PDB file of all heavy atoms in Angstrom:
ATOM      1  N   LEU A   1       0.820  -1.205   0.000  1.00  0.00           N
ATOM      2  CA  LEU A   1       0.000   0.000   0.000  1.00  0.00           C
ATOM      3  C   LEU A   1       0.861   1.265   0.000  1.00  0.00           C
ATOM      4  O   LEU A   1       0.646   2.187  -0.794  1.00  0.00           O
ATOM      5  CB  LEU A   1      -0.924   0.004   1.225  1.00  0.00           C
ATOM      6  CG  LEU A   1      -2.035  -1.050   1.258  1.00  0.00           C
ATOM      7  CD1 LEU A   1      -2.623  -1.167   2.659  1.00  0.00           C
ATOM      8  CD2 LEU A   1      -3.139  -0.713   0.267  1.00  0.00           C
ATOM      9  N   PHE A   2       1.849   1.302   0.891  1.00  0.00           N
ATOM     10  CA  PHE A   2       2.655   2.513   1.062  1.00  0.00           C
ATOM     11  C   PHE A   2       3.488   2.816  -0.176  1.00  0.00           C
ATOM     12  O   PHE A   2       3.752   3.983  -0.483  1.00  0.00           O
ATOM     13  CB  PHE A   2       3.555   2.381   2.296  1.00  0.00           C
ATOM     14  CG  PHE A   2       2.902   2.807   3.582  1.00  0.00           C
ATOM     15  CD1 PHE A   2       1.727   2.209   4.005  1.00  0.00           C
ATOM     16  CD2 PHE A   2       3.459   3.795   4.375  1.00  0.00           C
ATOM     17  CE1 PHE A   2       1.115   2.588   5.191  1.00  0.00           C
ATOM     18  CE2 PHE A   2       2.856   4.192   5.559  1.00  0.00           C
ATOM     19  CZ  PHE A   2       1.683   3.590   5.973  1.00  0.00           C
ATOM     20  N   ALA A   3       3.907   1.780  -0.899  1.00  0.00           N
ATOM     21  CA  ALA A   3       4.688   2.022  -2.115  1.00  0.00           C
ATOM     22  C   ALA A   3       3.889   2.877  -3.096  1.00  0.00           C
ATOM     23  O   ALA A   3       4.416   3.829  -3.696  1.00  0.00           O
ATOM     24  CB  ALA A   3       5.075   0.692  -2.755  1.00  0.00           C
ATOM     25  N   GLU A   4       2.619   2.559  -3.269  1.00  0.00           N
ATOM     26  CA  GLU A   4       1.778   3.317  -4.193  1.00  0.00           C
ATOM     27  C   GLU A   4       1.458   4.706  -3.658  1.00  0.00           C
ATOM     28  O   GLU A   4       1.416   5.688  -4.404  1.00  0.00           O
ATOM     29  CB  GLU A   4       0.488   2.551  -4.478  1.00  0.00           C
ATOM     30  CG  GLU A   4       0.690   1.256  -5.239  1.00  0.00           C
ATOM     31  CD  GLU A   4      -0.601   0.730  -5.838  1.00  0.00           C
ATOM     32  OE1 GLU A   4      -1.341   0.027  -5.131  1.00  0.00           O
ATOM     33  OE2 GLU A   4      -0.860   1.027  -7.017  1.00  0.00           O
ATOM     34  N   VAL A   5       1.212   4.786  -2.362  1.00  0.00           N
ATOM     35  CA  VAL A   5       0.847   6.077  -1.771  1.00  0.00           C
ATOM     36  C   VAL A   5       2.004   7.068  -1.889  1.00  0.00           C
ATOM     37  O   VAL A   5       1.812   8.221  -2.300  1.00  0.00           O
ATOM     38  CB  VAL A   5       0.447   5.893  -0.292  1.00  0.00           C
ATOM     39  CG1 VAL A   5       0.238   7.252   0.371  1.00  0.00           C
ATOM     40  CG2 VAL A   5      -0.826   5.063  -0.178  1.00  0.00           C
ATOM     41  N   ILE A   6       3.201   6.646  -1.535  1.00  0.00           N
ATOM     42  CA  ILE A   6       4.346   7.557  -1.555  1.00  0.00           C
ATOM     43  C   ILE A   6       4.639   8.017  -2.984  1.00  0.00           C
ATOM     44  O   ILE A   6       4.948   9.192  -3.224  1.00  0.00           O
ATOM     45  CB  ILE A   6       5.563   6.886  -0.896  1.00  0.00           C
ATOM     46  CG1 ILE A   6       5.323   6.795   0.622  1.00  0.00           C
ATOM     47  CG2 ILE A   6       6.854   7.644  -1.190  1.00  0.00           C
ATOM     48  CD1 ILE A   6       6.334   5.972   1.378  1.00  0.00           C
ATOM     49  N   GLU A   7       4.523   7.121  -3.959  1.00  0.00           N
ATOM     50  CA  GLU A   7       4.735   7.523  -5.350  1.00  0.00           C
ATOM     51  C   GLU A   7       3.668   8.523  -5.785  1.00  0.00           C
ATOM     52  O   GLU A   7       3.950   9.454  -6.551  1.00  0.00           O
ATOM     53  CB  GLU A   7       4.718   6.299  -6.266  1.00  0.00           C
ATOM     54  CG  GLU A   7       5.186   6.576  -7.684  1.00  0.00           C
ATOM     55  CD  GLU A   7       6.660   6.928  -7.773  1.00  0.00           C
ATOM     56  OE1 GLU A   7       7.428   6.564  -6.844  1.00  0.00           O
ATOM     57  OE2 GLU A   7       7.042   7.564  -8.772  1.00  0.00           O
ATOM     58  N   THR A   8       2.441   8.365  -5.297  1.00  0.00           N
ATOM     59  CA  THR A   8       1.372   9.300  -5.639  1.00  0.00           C
ATOM     60  C   THR A   8       1.641  10.676  -5.053  1.00  0.00           C
ATOM     61  O   THR A   8       1.404  11.701  -5.713  1.00  0.00           O
ATOM     62  CB  THR A   8       0.016   8.766  -5.133  1.00  0.00           C
ATOM     63  OG1 THR A   8      -0.240   7.489  -5.718  1.00  0.00           O
ATOM     64  CG2 THR A   8      -1.113   9.716  -5.494  1.00  0.00           C
ATOM     65  N   VAL A   9       2.117  10.719  -3.822  1.00  0.00           N
ATOM     66  CA  VAL A   9       2.465  12.009  -3.212  1.00  0.00           C
ATOM     67  C   VAL A   9       3.546  12.695  -4.043  1.00  0.00           C
ATOM     68  O   VAL A   9       3.508  13.914  -4.265  1.00  0.00           O
ATOM     69  CB  VAL A   9       2.919  11.825  -1.748  1.00  0.00           C
ATOM     70  CG1 VAL A   9       3.430  13.146  -1.172  1.00  0.00           C
ATOM     71  CG2 VAL A   9       1.773  11.298  -0.893  1.00  0.00           C
ATOM     72  N   LYS A  10       4.500  11.917  -4.541  1.00  0.00           N
ATOM     73  CA  LYS A  10       5.536  12.490  -5.416  1.00  0.00           C
ATOM     74  C   LYS A  10       4.910  13.038  -6.706  1.00  0.00           C
ATOM     75  O   LYS A  10       5.318  14.087  -7.206  1.00  0.00           O
ATOM     76  CB  LYS A  10       6.599  11.437  -5.741  1.00  0.00           C
ATOM     77  CG  LYS A  10       7.458  11.031  -4.540  1.00  0.00           C
ATOM     78  CD  LYS A  10       8.445   9.930  -4.916  1.00  0.00           C
ATOM     79  CE  LYS A  10       9.270   9.511  -3.703  1.00  0.00           C
ATOM     80  NZ  LYS A  10      10.187   8.385  -4.033  1.00  0.00           N
ATOM     81  N   CYS A  11       3.921  12.335  -7.246  1.00  0.00           N
ATOM     82  CA  CYS A  11       3.216  12.829  -8.438  1.00  0.00           C
ATOM     83  C   CYS A  11       2.537  14.166  -8.145  1.00  0.00           C
ATOM     84  O   CYS A  11       2.515  15.068  -8.984  1.00  0.00           O
ATOM     85  CB  CYS A  11       2.176  11.815  -8.909  1.00  0.00           C
ATOM     86  SG  CYS A  11       2.852  10.340  -9.699  1.00  0.00           S
ATOM     87  N   LEU A  12       1.983  14.304  -6.953  1.00  0.00           N
ATOM     88  CA  LEU A  12       1.339  15.550  -6.542  1.00  0.00           C
ATOM     89  C   LEU A  12       2.382  16.650  -6.391  1.00  0.00           C
ATOM     90  O   LEU A  12       2.201  17.774  -6.867  1.00  0.00           O
ATOM     91  CB  LEU A  12       0.578  15.328  -5.233  1.00  0.00           C
ATOM     92  CG  LEU A  12      -0.467  16.358  -4.815  1.00  0.00           C
ATOM     93  CD1 LEU A  12      -1.608  16.423  -5.808  1.00  0.00           C
ATOM     94  CD2 LEU A  12      -0.992  16.055  -3.415  1.00  0.00           C
ATOM     95  N   ASP A  13       3.487  16.313  -5.741  1.00  0.00           N
ATOM     96  CA  ASP A  13       4.556  17.299  -5.534  1.00  0.00           C
ATOM     97  C   ASP A  13       5.149  17.773  -6.856  1.00  0.00           C
ATOM     98  O   ASP A  13       5.514  18.946  -6.998  1.00  0.00           O
ATOM     99  CB  ASP A  13       5.673  16.695  -4.670  1.00  0.00           C
ATOM    100  CG  ASP A  13       5.222  16.406  -3.242  1.00  0.00           C
ATOM    101  OD1 ASP A  13       4.183  16.974  -2.828  1.00  0.00           O
ATOM    102  OD2 ASP A  13       5.893  15.615  -2.555  1.00  0.00           O
ATOM    103  N   GLU A  14       5.263  16.869  -7.828  1.00  0.00           N
ATOM    104  CA  GLU A  14       5.882  17.207  -9.116  1.00  0.00           C
ATOM    105  C   GLU A  14       4.916  17.886 -10.083  1.00  0.00           C
ATOM    106  O   GLU A  14       5.322  18.315 -11.161  1.00  0.00           O
ATOM    107  CB  GLU A  14       6.433  15.936  -9.777  1.00  0.00           C
ATOM    108  CG  GLU A  14       7.567  15.282  -9.001  1.00  0.00           C
ATOM    109  CD  GLU A  14       7.869  13.873  -9.503  1.00  0.00           C
ATOM    110  OE1 GLU A  14       7.429  13.532 -10.628  1.00  0.00           O
ATOM    111  OE2 GLU A  14       8.531  13.116  -8.780  1.00  0.00           O
ATOM    112  N   GLY A  15       3.632  17.943  -9.724  1.00  0.00           N
ATOM    113  CA  GLY A  15       2.654  18.557 -10.598  1.00  0.00           C
ATOM    114  C   GLY A  15       2.074  17.623 -11.640  1.00  0.00           C
ATOM    115  O   GLY A  15       1.311  18.059 -12.503  1.00  0.00           O
ATOM    116  N   VAL A  16       2.444  16.336 -11.595  1.00  0.00           N
ATOM    117  CA  VAL A  16       1.803  15.370 -12.489  1.00  0.00           C
ATOM    118  C   VAL A  16       0.322  15.297 -12.150  1.00  0.00           C
ATOM    119  O   VAL A  16      -0.546  15.266 -13.031  1.00  0.00           O
ATOM    120  CB  VAL A  16       2.462  13.978 -12.361  1.00  0.00           C
ATOM    121  CG1 VAL A  16       1.723  12.951 -13.202  1.00  0.00           C
ATOM    122  CG2 VAL A  16       3.927  14.053 -12.769  1.00  0.00           C
ATOM    123  N   LEU A  17       0.021  15.293 -10.863  1.00  0.00           N
ATOM    124  CA  LEU A  17      -1.350  15.394 -10.377  1.00  0.00           C
ATOM    125  C   LEU A  17      -1.604  16.830  -9.948  1.00  0.00           C
ATOM    126  O   LEU A  17      -0.760  17.436  -9.281  1.00  0.00           O
ATOM    127  CB  LEU A  17      -1.577  14.467  -9.183  1.00  0.00           C
ATOM    128  CG  LEU A  17      -1.715  12.977  -9.453  1.00  0.00           C
ATOM    129  CD1 LEU A  17      -1.558  12.196  -8.154  1.00  0.00           C
ATOM    130  CD2 LEU A  17      -3.068  12.670 -10.088  1.00  0.00           C
ATOM    131  N   GLU A  18      -2.754  17.362 -10.311  1.00  0.00           N
ATOM    132  CA  GLU A  18      -3.136  18.698  -9.865  1.00  0.00           C
ATOM    133  C   GLU A  18      -4.174  18.647  -8.754  1.00  0.00           C
ATOM    134  O   GLU A  18      -4.363  19.630  -8.050  1.00  0.00           O
ATOM    135  CB  GLU A  18      -3.712  19.498 -11.037  1.00  0.00           C
ATOM    136  CG  GLU A  18      -2.702  19.792 -12.141  1.00  0.00           C
ATOM    137  CD  GLU A  18      -3.319  20.572 -13.289  1.00  0.00           C
ATOM    138  OE1 GLU A  18      -4.564  20.670 -13.338  1.00  0.00           O
ATOM    139  OE2 GLU A  18      -2.564  21.070 -14.133  1.00  0.00           O
ATOM    140  N   ALA A  19      -4.859  17.507  -8.618  1.00  0.00           N
ATOM    141  CA  ALA A  19      -5.998  17.446  -7.708  1.00  0.00           C
ATOM    142  C   ALA A  19      -6.074  16.104  -6.998  1.00  0.00           C
ATOM    143  O   ALA A  19      -5.887  15.051  -7.613  1.00  0.00           O
ATOM    144  CB  ALA A  19      -7.291  17.708  -8.474  1.00  0.00           C
ATOM    145  N   VAL A  20      -6.365  16.164  -5.716  1.00  0.00           N
ATOM    146  CA  VAL A  20      -6.495  14.954  -4.898  1.00  0.00           C
ATOM    147  C   VAL A  20      -7.609  14.034  -5.403  1.00  0.00           C
ATOM    148  O   VAL A  20      -7.432  12.815  -5.452  1.00  0.00           O
ATOM    149  CB  VAL A  20      -6.691  15.339  -3.414  1.00  0.00           C
ATOM    150  CG1 VAL A  20      -7.133  14.138  -2.583  1.00  0.00           C
ATOM    151  CG2 VAL A  20      -5.397  15.923  -2.847  1.00  0.00           C
ATOM    152  N   PRO A  21      -8.795  14.565  -5.796  1.00  0.00           N
ATOM    153  CA  PRO A  21      -9.841  13.655  -6.300  1.00  0.00           C
ATOM    154  C   PRO A  21      -9.399  12.828  -7.501  1.00  0.00           C
ATOM    155  O   PRO A  21      -9.782  11.667  -7.638  1.00  0.00           O
ATOM    156  CB  PRO A  21     -10.996  14.602  -6.658  1.00  0.00           C
ATOM    157  CG  PRO A  21     -10.814  15.765  -5.741  1.00  0.00           C
ATOM    158  CD  PRO A  21      -9.326  15.946  -5.643  1.00  0.00           C
ATOM    159  N   ASP A  22      -8.588  13.419  -8.402  1.00  0.00           N
ATOM    160  CA  ASP A  22      -8.087  12.649  -9.543  1.00  0.00           C
ATOM    161  C   ASP A  22      -7.280  11.446  -9.066  1.00  0.00           C
ATOM    162  O   ASP A  22      -7.379  10.351  -9.633  1.00  0.00           O
ATOM    163  CB  ASP A  22      -7.204  13.538 -10.431  1.00  0.00           C
ATOM    164  CG  ASP A  22      -8.007  14.522 -11.259  1.00  0.00           C
ATOM    165  OD1 ASP A  22      -9.100  14.153 -11.722  1.00  0.00           O
ATOM    166  OD2 ASP A  22      -7.543  15.656 -11.446  1.00  0.00           O
ATOM    167  N   ALA A  23      -6.457  11.658  -8.047  1.00  0.00           N
ATOM    168  CA  ALA A  23      -5.635  10.566  -7.520  1.00  0.00           C
ATOM    169  C   ALA A  23      -6.504   9.482  -6.903  1.00  0.00           C
ATOM    170  O   ALA A  23      -6.312   8.286  -7.159  1.00  0.00           O
ATOM    171  CB  ALA A  23      -4.648  11.107  -6.479  1.00  0.00           C
ATOM    172  N   ASN A  24      -7.473   9.884  -6.085  1.00  0.00           N
ATOM    173  CA  ASN A  24      -8.304   8.894  -5.399  1.00  0.00           C
ATOM    174  C   ASN A  24      -9.157   8.088  -6.376  1.00  0.00           C
ATOM    175  O   ASN A  24      -9.176   6.853  -6.333  1.00  0.00           O
ATOM    176  CB  ASN A  24      -9.205   9.591  -4.373  1.00  0.00           C
ATOM    177  CG  ASN A  24      -8.437  10.115  -3.178  1.00  0.00           C
ATOM    178  OD1 ASN A  24      -7.371   9.598  -2.836  1.00  0.00           O
ATOM    179  ND2 ASN A  24      -8.959  11.145  -2.536  1.00  0.00           N
ATOM    180  N   VAL A  25      -9.841   8.783  -7.268  1.00  0.00           N
ATOM    181  CA  VAL A  25     -10.715   8.097  -8.225  1.00  0.00           C
ATOM    182  C   VAL A  25      -9.886   7.252  -9.190  1.00  0.00           C
ATOM    183  O   VAL A  25     -10.221   6.096  -9.477  1.00  0.00           O
ATOM    184  CB  VAL A  25     -11.584   9.110  -8.991  1.00  0.00           C
ATOM    185  CG1 VAL A  25     -12.345   8.438 -10.125  1.00  0.00           C
ATOM    186  CG2 VAL A  25     -12.565   9.794  -8.035  1.00  0.00           C
ATOM    187  N   GLY A  26      -8.797   7.820  -9.696  1.00  0.00           N
ATOM    188  CA  GLY A  26      -7.961   7.087 -10.641  1.00  0.00           C
ATOM    189  C   GLY A  26      -7.362   5.837 -10.049  1.00  0.00           C
ATOM    190  O   GLY A  26      -7.276   4.798 -10.709  1.00  0.00           O
ATOM    191  N   SER A  27      -6.967   5.916  -8.783  1.00  0.00           N
ATOM    192  CA  SER A  27      -6.333   4.751  -8.156  1.00  0.00           C
ATOM    193  C   SER A  27      -7.317   3.615  -7.938  1.00  0.00           C
ATOM    194  O   SER A  27      -6.967   2.442  -8.082  1.00  0.00           O
ATOM    195  CB  SER A  27      -5.686   5.149  -6.822  1.00  0.00           C
ATOM    196  OG  SER A  27      -6.656   5.545  -5.868  1.00  0.00           O
ATOM    197  N   ILE A  28      -8.567   3.944  -7.615  1.00  0.00           N
ATOM    198  CA  ILE A  28      -9.569   2.897  -7.366  1.00  0.00           C
ATOM    199  C   ILE A  28     -10.105   2.331  -8.681  1.00  0.00           C
ATOM    200  O   ILE A  28     -10.128   1.114  -8.888  1.00  0.00           O
ATOM    201  CB  ILE A  28     -10.728   3.441  -6.506  1.00  0.00           C
ATOM    202  CG1 ILE A  28     -10.231   3.815  -5.105  1.00  0.00           C
ATOM    203  CG2 ILE A  28     -11.846   2.397  -6.394  1.00  0.00           C
ATOM    204  CD1 ILE A  28     -11.284   4.507  -4.251  1.00  0.00           C
ATOM    205  N   LEU A  29     -10.522   3.204  -9.586  1.00  0.00           N
ATOM    206  CA  LEU A  29     -11.177   2.748 -10.821  1.00  0.00           C
ATOM    207  C   LEU A  29     -10.188   2.275 -11.873  1.00  0.00           C
ATOM    208  O   LEU A  29     -10.538   1.468 -12.726  1.00  0.00           O
ATOM    209  CB  LEU A  29     -12.032   3.873 -11.411  1.00  0.00           C
ATOM    210  CG  LEU A  29     -13.186   4.395 -10.566  1.00  0.00           C
ATOM    211  CD1 LEU A  29     -14.022   5.376 -11.367  1.00  0.00           C
ATOM    212  CD2 LEU A  29     -14.062   3.268 -10.040  1.00  0.00           C
TER     213      LEU A  29
END
């Protein structure tokens, strides 16, 4: 679990992700 979460936080920090909902929905669906 943590491997995916930490990489996602890096995506947010780098601007690959702009929004938390995109991360949550994208990761589940």
